[in-house]
């Protein structure tokens, strides 16, 4: 009677052990499969290509007068007449202002008198030398010393006359400085003197007497960062919007480049000539300029999302032939939807288009389509 319960206990223990073994065996493949899935990560895969990025960039620009000059006095004097004012249109050679300098007038009269005197003495010396030389035809009538002295006197008077003429011409030129003329067509934008004012090159001028700008033609000046300057060529078309004229787009071409980098801003200055016959645009206005630099010849490109930038490095993640993630350091060029990259890559290499920061080197990568 006692053996029956005992046998039941043994049977139950055996069933429990079999069930545990069966459960252990069935869980092992599941855990292995889960571990395998952990080591494989699914990403969108793309390829390294070769082509032009064709990026558009927008940069601020400023309009400047095509020509601008601050007019200072060339000679000392008093302002006699001012014939223009702020906003006056002028033509090249037009008289803007007249100065007076009485001492200059007196110096010019004295210089002219000295020049005429020297000329008269030269005429007399030439005539004396000519007559002595003619007298030498009669043997013994004129000594060789007298002839040489007359020739020397003629040469000295000639030099003196030339000196007096130079002095007279210089003072005549100084007198012409008293009449101030416009060096080119333009608009007077500043006037700082009035009749009776004392002006001169030796005086401490607060500012120029007048300021003249050519406004029918302007320069649109833009500073282009060095990353894009190599892709800009003379004659390349550009477009720009003027802040003061909203809703209108203007076209132009690059007229000239500075050819050097501004050491402070690391940029190159380019200029666009602007026809402003209507004078709608004023010097000093700002514009938003749109440029399209040419891509780097032979550069490799990848989708911009494929580039990972951290504080320490910038890289793309290549998928090697074994299907593992491989980090490749790159330098970046022009950027838009595609980015120029320079590094240990070649055309056709497979890369991860949507990388994650937690992805590790050597991780098995599976493409998701």
Protein backbone atom coordinates (compact mmCIF):
# COMPACT_ATOMS: atom_id res chain seq x y z
CA UNK A 1 0.00 0.00 0.00
CA UNK A 2 2.90 2.40 0.72
CA UNK A 3 4.67 1.70 -2.60
CA UNK A 4 1.88 3.23 -4.70
CA UNK A 5 2.23 6.84 -3.47
CA UNK A 6 5.98 6.55 -3.63
CA UNK A 7 5.87 5.52 -7.31
CA UNK A 8 3.64 8.48 -8.09
CA UNK A 9 6.14 10.89 -6.58
CA UNK A 10 8.95 9.41 -8.67
CA UNK A 11 6.84 9.74 -11.84
CA UNK A 12 6.03 13.40 -11.14
CA UNK A 13 9.71 14.26 -10.52
CA UNK A 14 10.70 12.65 -13.82
CA UNK A 15 8.08 14.61 -15.76
CA UNK A 16 9.32 17.87 -14.17
CA UNK A 17 12.90 17.19 -15.17
CA UNK A 18 11.90 16.35 -18.75
CA UNK A 19 9.84 19.53 -18.98
CA UNK A 20 12.78 21.64 -17.73
CA UNK A 21 15.14 20.10 -20.26
CA UNK A 22 12.64 20.61 -23.04
CA UNK A 23 12.15 24.26 -22.03
CA UNK A 24 15.91 24.88 -21.89
CA UNK A 25 16.44 23.36 -25.31
CA UNK A 26 13.62 25.37 -26.89
CA UNK A 27 14.80 28.72 -25.42
CA UNK A 28 18.39 28.39 -26.65
CA UNK A 29 17.67 28.96 -30.41
CA UNK A 30 15.43 31.95 -29.59
CA UNK A 31 18.14 33.66 -27.52
CA UNK A 32 20.72 32.93 -30.23
CA UNK A 33 18.48 34.44 -32.90
CA UNK A 34 17.88 37.51 -30.71
CA UNK A 35 21.64 37.97 -30.19
CA UNK A 36 22.24 37.63 -33.93
CA UNK A 37 19.66 40.32 -34.69
CA UNK A 38 21.35 42.61 -32.16
CA UNK A 39 24.67 42.49 -34.08
CA UNK A 40 23.02 43.41 -37.39
CA UNK A 41 21.61 46.95 -37.97
CA UNK A 42 19.45 47.94 -40.90
CA UNK A 43 20.24 51.20 -42.77
CA UNK A 44 19.55 52.91 -46.08
CA UNK A 45 22.52 52.39 -48.40
CA UNK A 46 23.74 54.77 -51.13
CA UNK A 47 26.78 55.11 -53.40
CA UNK A 48 29.62 57.59 -53.79
CA UNK A 49 29.17 59.42 -57.09
CA UNK A 50 31.04 61.96 -59.18
CA UNK A 51 29.34 65.15 -60.32
CA UNK A 52 28.79 68.87 -59.86
CA UNK A 53 27.09 70.05 -56.70
CA UNK A 54 25.73 73.25 -58.30
CA UNK A 55 25.12 75.00 -55.02
CA UNK A 56 23.45 78.40 -54.81
CA UNK A 57 24.68 80.75 -52.12
CA UNK A 58 23.26 84.07 -50.96
CA UNK A 59 25.60 86.79 -49.74
CA UNK A 60 25.08 90.43 -48.73
CA UNK A 61 26.41 93.10 -51.09
CA UNK A 62 26.76 96.88 -51.03
CA UNK A 63 26.40 99.42 -53.84
CA UNK A 64 29.27 101.87 -54.23
CA UNK A 65 29.74 104.75 -56.66
CA UNK A 66 31.73 103.66 -59.71
CA UNK A 67 34.03 106.65 -59.14
CA UNK A 68 34.22 108.84 -56.06
CA UNK A 69 36.62 111.63 -55.15
CA UNK A 70 37.02 113.99 -52.23
CA UNK A 71 38.13 117.37 -53.57
CA UNK A 72 40.78 119.17 -51.50
CA UNK A 73 42.53 122.48 -52.36
CA UNK A 74 45.80 122.19 -54.30
CA UNK A 75 46.90 125.70 -53.35
CA UNK A 76 46.45 128.06 -50.42
CA UNK A 77 43.79 130.73 -50.82
CA UNK A 78 40.40 132.09 -49.91
CA UNK A 79 37.15 130.75 -51.36
CA UNK A 80 35.84 133.39 -53.75
CA UNK A 81 32.89 131.59 -55.38
CA UNK A 82 31.18 128.21 -54.92
CA UNK A 83 29.20 127.39 -58.06
CA UNK A 84 27.68 124.05 -56.94
CA UNK A 85 25.91 122.64 -53.92
CA UNK A 86 24.88 119.26 -52.54
CA UNK A 87 22.95 117.33 -55.21
CA UNK A 88 24.23 119.40 -58.15
CA UNK A 89 24.87 117.35 -61.35
CA UNK A 90 28.17 118.35 -62.98
CA UNK A 91 30.06 117.52 -66.18
CA UNK A 92 33.73 116.74 -66.56
CA UNK A 93 35.77 119.98 -66.68
CA UNK A 94 32.98 122.13 -65.28
CA UNK A 95 34.10 124.85 -62.82
CA UNK A 96 33.01 123.97 -59.30
CA UNK A 97 34.74 126.61 -57.22
CA UNK A 98 37.03 129.63 -57.60
CA UNK A 99 39.72 130.55 -55.05
CA UNK A 100 41.72 133.75 -54.80
CA UNK A 101 45.32 134.22 -53.66
CA UNK A 102 46.68 137.81 -54.19
CA UNK A 103 50.26 136.80 -53.33
CA UNK A 104 50.21 134.18 -56.06
CA UNK A 105 49.16 136.81 -58.58
CA UNK A 106 52.09 139.06 -57.53
CA UNK A 107 54.53 136.16 -57.71
CA UNK A 108 53.29 135.35 -61.19
CA UNK A 109 53.81 138.97 -62.36
CA UNK A 110 57.35 138.98 -60.94
CA UNK A 111 58.15 135.63 -62.54
CA UNK A 112 56.92 136.86 -65.93
CA UNK A 113 59.07 139.99 -65.61
CA UNK A 114 62.18 137.95 -64.76
CA UNK A 115 61.51 135.61 -67.66
CA UNK A 116 61.22 138.50 -70.14
CA UNK A 117 64.42 140.04 -68.74
CA UNK A 118 66.30 136.75 -69.11
CA UNK A 119 65.01 136.37 -72.65
CA UNK A 120 66.24 139.87 -73.56
CA UNK A 121 69.70 139.15 -72.16
CA UNK A 122 69.79 135.90 -74.10
CA UNK A 123 68.94 137.69 -77.35
CA UNK A 124 71.75 140.20 -76.72
CA UNK A 125 74.29 137.48 -75.91
CA UNK A 126 73.37 135.53 -79.04
CA UNK A 127 73.78 138.63 -81.21
CA UNK A 128 77.18 139.50 -79.63
CA UNK A 129 78.45 135.97 -80.17
CA UNK A 130 77.18 135.93 -83.76
CA UNK A 131 79.02 139.18 -84.60
CA UNK A 132 82.27 138.05 -82.98
CA UNK A 133 82.15 134.79 -84.86
CA UNK A 134 81.58 136.68 -88.13
CA UNK A 135 84.61 138.88 -87.38
CA UNK A 136 86.91 135.87 -87.16
CA UNK A 137 86.94 135.77 -90.96
CA UNK A 138 89.47 138.61 -90.76
CA UNK A 139 92.65 137.14 -89.31
CA UNK A 140 93.69 138.70 -85.97
CA UNK A 141 90.58 140.86 -85.53
CA UNK A 142 89.09 138.76 -82.68
CA UNK A 143 91.01 136.71 -80.13
CA UNK A 144 90.03 133.15 -79.41
CA UNK A 145 89.51 134.01 -75.72
CA UNK A 146 86.95 136.71 -76.53
CA UNK A 147 85.06 134.30 -78.77
CA UNK A 148 84.96 131.61 -76.08
CA UNK A 149 83.87 134.12 -73.42
CA UNK A 150 81.03 135.33 -75.65
CA UNK A 151 79.93 131.73 -76.24
CA UNK A 152 80.00 130.98 -72.52
CA UNK A 153 77.97 134.12 -71.77
CA UNK A 154 75.38 133.08 -74.36
CA UNK A 155 75.06 129.59 -72.83
CA UNK A 156 74.72 131.03 -69.31
CA UNK A 157 72.00 133.45 -70.42
CA UNK A 158 70.22 130.57 -72.16
CA UNK A 159 70.24 128.51 -68.95
CA UNK A 160 69.02 131.50 -66.94
CA UNK A 161 66.15 132.07 -69.38
CA UNK A 162 65.14 128.40 -69.15
CA UNK A 163 65.12 128.60 -65.35
CA UNK A 164 62.98 131.72 -65.34
CA UNK A 165 60.57 130.15 -67.82
CA UNK A 166 60.23 127.05 -65.60
CA UNK A 167 59.48 129.26 -62.59
CA UNK A 168 56.92 131.23 -64.60
CA UNK A 169 55.25 128.01 -65.84
CA UNK A 170 55.12 126.61 -62.29
CA UNK A 171 53.41 129.70 -60.93
CA UNK A 172 51.00 129.68 -63.89
CA UNK A 173 50.11 126.08 -62.98
CA UNK A 174 49.61 127.06 -59.33
CA UNK A 175 47.29 129.85 -60.43
CA UNK A 176 45.25 127.33 -62.40
CA UNK A 177 44.74 125.39 -59.14
CA UNK A 178 42.68 128.31 -57.89
CA UNK A 179 39.96 127.24 -60.33
CA UNK A 180 38.56 123.89 -59.15
CA UNK A 181 37.07 121.72 -61.94
CA UNK A 182 35.17 118.43 -61.97
CA UNK A 183 37.41 115.44 -62.86
CA UNK A 184 34.44 113.40 -64.22
CA UNK A 185 30.66 113.50 -64.67
CA UNK A 186 28.77 113.01 -61.43
CA UNK A 187 26.78 114.38 -58.51
CA UNK A 188 28.05 116.61 -55.73
CA UNK A 189 27.18 114.74 -52.53
CA UNK A 190 28.96 116.90 -49.96
CA UNK A 191 29.87 120.58 -49.56
CA UNK A 192 31.86 121.84 -46.59
CA UNK A 193 33.03 125.39 -47.49
CA UNK A 194 31.48 128.75 -48.25
CA UNK A 195 32.80 132.02 -49.75
CA UNK A 196 35.45 133.67 -47.59
CA UNK A 197 36.76 130.44 -46.07
CA UNK A 198 40.55 130.00 -45.91
CA UNK A 199 41.66 126.71 -47.47
CA UNK A 200 45.00 125.24 -48.36
CA UNK A 201 47.11 122.09 -48.49
CA UNK A 202 49.06 123.17 -45.41
CA UNK A 203 45.96 123.82 -43.29
CA UNK A 204 44.27 121.22 -41.12
CA UNK A 205 41.14 120.55 -43.11
CA UNK A 206 38.19 119.10 -41.19
CA UNK A 207 37.01 117.44 -44.39
CA UNK A 208 37.11 117.85 -48.16
CA UNK A 209 35.76 121.00 -49.77
CA UNK A 210 33.48 118.93 -52.01
CA UNK A 211 32.69 115.27 -52.58
CA UNK A 212 31.87 114.01 -56.10
CA UNK A 213 30.33 110.64 -57.04
CA UNK A 214 29.62 109.00 -60.37
CA UNK A 215 26.14 107.53 -59.84
CA UNK A 216 24.94 106.61 -63.33
CA UNK A 217 27.10 103.51 -63.00
CA UNK A 218 27.65 101.64 -59.73
CA UNK A 219 29.74 98.83 -58.31
CA UNK A 220 27.97 96.05 -56.39
CA UNK A 221 30.65 94.74 -54.03
CA UNK A 222 30.38 91.25 -52.49
CA UNK A 223 32.79 89.40 -50.18
CA UNK A 224 32.85 85.70 -51.13
CA UNK A 225 34.15 83.12 -48.59
CA UNK A 226 37.26 81.25 -49.70
CA UNK A 227 35.36 77.93 -49.94
CA UNK A 228 33.43 79.32 -52.91
CA UNK A 229 35.84 81.83 -54.45
CA UNK A 230 37.58 79.28 -56.72
CA UNK A 231 34.24 78.41 -58.32
CA UNK A 232 33.55 82.00 -59.44
CA UNK A 233 34.78 83.25 -62.82
CA UNK A 234 34.72 86.65 -64.49
CA UNK A 235 31.56 87.00 -66.61
CA UNK A 236 29.56 84.45 -64.57
CA UNK A 237 25.89 85.53 -64.30
CA UNK A 238 24.44 86.46 -60.92
CA UNK A 239 21.09 87.74 -59.63
CA UNK A 240 20.37 90.08 -56.76
CA UNK A 241 17.52 91.60 -54.80
CA UNK A 242 17.67 95.14 -53.46
CA UNK A 243 16.35 95.54 -49.94
CA UNK A 244 14.86 98.94 -50.78
CA UNK A 245 13.09 97.56 -53.90
CA UNK A 246 11.24 94.45 -52.68
CA UNK A 247 9.71 92.00 -55.13
CA UNK A 248 12.07 92.75 -58.04
CA UNK A 249 14.98 90.60 -59.25
CA UNK A 250 17.96 92.14 -61.04
CA UNK A 251 20.51 90.38 -63.23
CA UNK A 252 24.22 91.01 -63.72
CA UNK A 253 27.59 89.40 -64.32
CA UNK A 254 30.83 89.34 -62.34
CA UNK A 255 32.94 92.19 -63.75
CA UNK A 256 36.15 91.82 -61.73
CA UNK A 257 37.74 89.93 -58.82
CA UNK A 258 40.29 91.18 -56.31
CA UNK A 259 42.47 88.08 -56.75
CA UNK A 260 43.47 87.89 -53.08
CA UNK A 261 42.01 86.86 -49.72
CA UNK A 262 41.02 89.36 -47.07
CA UNK A 263 43.16 88.17 -44.13
CA UNK A 264 40.60 89.30 -41.57
CA UNK A 265 37.48 87.72 -43.06
CA UNK A 266 39.08 85.01 -45.28
CA UNK A 267 37.09 86.17 -48.30
CA UNK A 268 37.66 87.48 -51.83
CA UNK A 269 36.00 90.68 -53.03
CA UNK A 270 34.15 90.54 -56.34
CA UNK A 271 32.42 93.42 -58.15
CA UNK A 272 29.37 93.54 -60.40
CA UNK A 273 28.94 96.61 -62.62
CA UNK A 274 25.40 98.03 -62.43
CA UNK A 275 23.88 100.39 -65.00
CA UNK A 276 22.06 103.06 -63.00
CA UNK A 277 21.11 105.65 -65.62
CA UNK A 278 17.80 106.25 -63.84
CA UNK A 279 19.68 106.75 -60.55
CA UNK A 280 17.05 104.64 -58.77
CA UNK A 281 19.77 102.86 -56.81
CA UNK A 282 21.78 104.97 -54.37
CA UNK A 283 25.38 104.32 -53.31
CA UNK A 284 25.34 102.74 -49.86
CA UNK A 285 22.22 100.61 -50.44
CA UNK A 286 22.39 96.90 -49.62
CA UNK A 287 21.46 93.91 -51.79
CA UNK A 288 21.11 90.14 -51.41
CA UNK A 289 23.25 88.52 -54.12
CA UNK A 290 22.69 84.95 -55.35
CA UNK A 291 25.78 83.19 -56.76
CA UNK A 292 26.24 79.70 -58.19
CA UNK A 293 29.90 78.66 -57.87
CA UNK A 294 31.16 75.91 -60.14
CA UNK A 295 31.84 72.58 -58.44
CA UNK A 296 35.36 71.26 -57.86
CA UNK A 297 36.51 69.35 -60.92
CA UNK A 298 36.70 65.59 -60.28
CA UNK A 299 35.25 65.82 -56.76
CA UNK A 300 33.30 62.88 -55.30
CA UNK A 301 29.85 63.59 -53.90
CA UNK A 302 27.61 61.93 -51.33
CA UNK A 303 24.15 62.83 -49.99
CA UNK A 304 24.56 65.55 -47.36
CA UNK A 305 22.75 63.35 -44.81
CA UNK A 306 25.56 60.77 -45.10
CA UNK A 307 28.14 63.12 -43.54
CA UNK A 308 28.57 62.85 -39.77
CA UNK A 309 30.13 65.89 -38.10
CA UNK A 310 31.31 65.84 -34.49
CA UNK A 311 33.50 68.14 -32.43
CA UNK A 312 36.50 65.93 -33.17
CA UNK A 313 36.06 64.78 -36.77
CA UNK A 314 33.85 64.62 -39.85
CA UNK A 315 33.35 61.31 -41.62
CA UNK A 316 31.12 59.06 -43.70
CA UNK A 317 30.36 55.42 -42.92
CA UNK A 318 31.30 53.07 -45.73
CA UNK A 319 29.97 49.52 -46.01
CA UNK A 320 32.95 47.29 -46.86
CA UNK A 321 32.66 44.14 -49.01
CA UNK A 322 32.08 42.02 -45.88
CA UNK A 323 29.05 44.18 -45.03
CA UNK A 324 30.61 45.84 -41.98
CA UNK A 325 30.55 49.56 -41.10
CA UNK A 326 33.87 51.35 -41.76
CA UNK A 327 34.43 54.97 -40.70
CA UNK A 328 36.21 57.12 -43.32
CA UNK A 329 37.43 60.62 -42.40
CA UNK A 330 36.71 63.23 -45.09
CA UNK A 331 37.19 66.91 -45.86
CA UNK A 332 34.12 68.74 -47.13
CA UNK A 333 33.79 70.93 -50.22
CA UNK A 334 30.69 72.64 -51.56
CA UNK A 335 27.40 71.59 -50.00
CA UNK A 336 23.77 71.48 -51.10
CA UNK A 337 21.59 68.33 -51.31
CA UNK A 338 24.85 66.64 -52.24
CA UNK A 339 28.21 67.38 -50.58
CA UNK A 340 31.69 67.23 -52.06
CA UNK A 341 33.94 64.93 -50.02
CA UNK A 342 37.68 64.33 -50.18
CA UNK A 343 39.10 61.27 -48.47
CA UNK A 344 39.84 57.56 -48.83
CA UNK A 345 36.83 56.92 -51.07
CA UNK A 346 36.25 56.03 -54.70
CA UNK A 347 33.32 56.20 -57.07
CA UNK A 348 30.82 53.39 -56.46
CA UNK A 349 31.68 52.78 -52.78
CA UNK A 350 28.62 51.90 -50.72
CA UNK A 351 27.86 54.28 -47.85
CA UNK A 352 25.19 54.64 -45.19
CA UNK A 353 22.84 57.48 -46.13
CA UNK A 354 21.11 57.74 -42.72
CA UNK A 355 23.84 57.00 -40.12
CA UNK A 356 23.30 57.10 -36.35
CA UNK A 357 25.67 58.41 -33.72
CA UNK A 358 25.55 55.17 -31.76
CA UNK A 359 26.76 53.07 -34.71
CA UNK A 360 30.13 51.45 -34.02
CA UNK A 361 33.03 50.48 -36.28
CA UNK A 362 32.67 46.93 -37.57
CA UNK A 363 28.92 46.64 -36.99
CA UNK A 364 27.21 44.32 -39.46
CA UNK A 365 25.01 46.46 -41.73
CA UNK A 366 21.88 45.25 -43.51
CA UNK A 367 20.36 47.38 -46.29
CA UNK A 368 16.76 48.48 -45.86
CA UNK A 369 14.97 49.35 -49.08
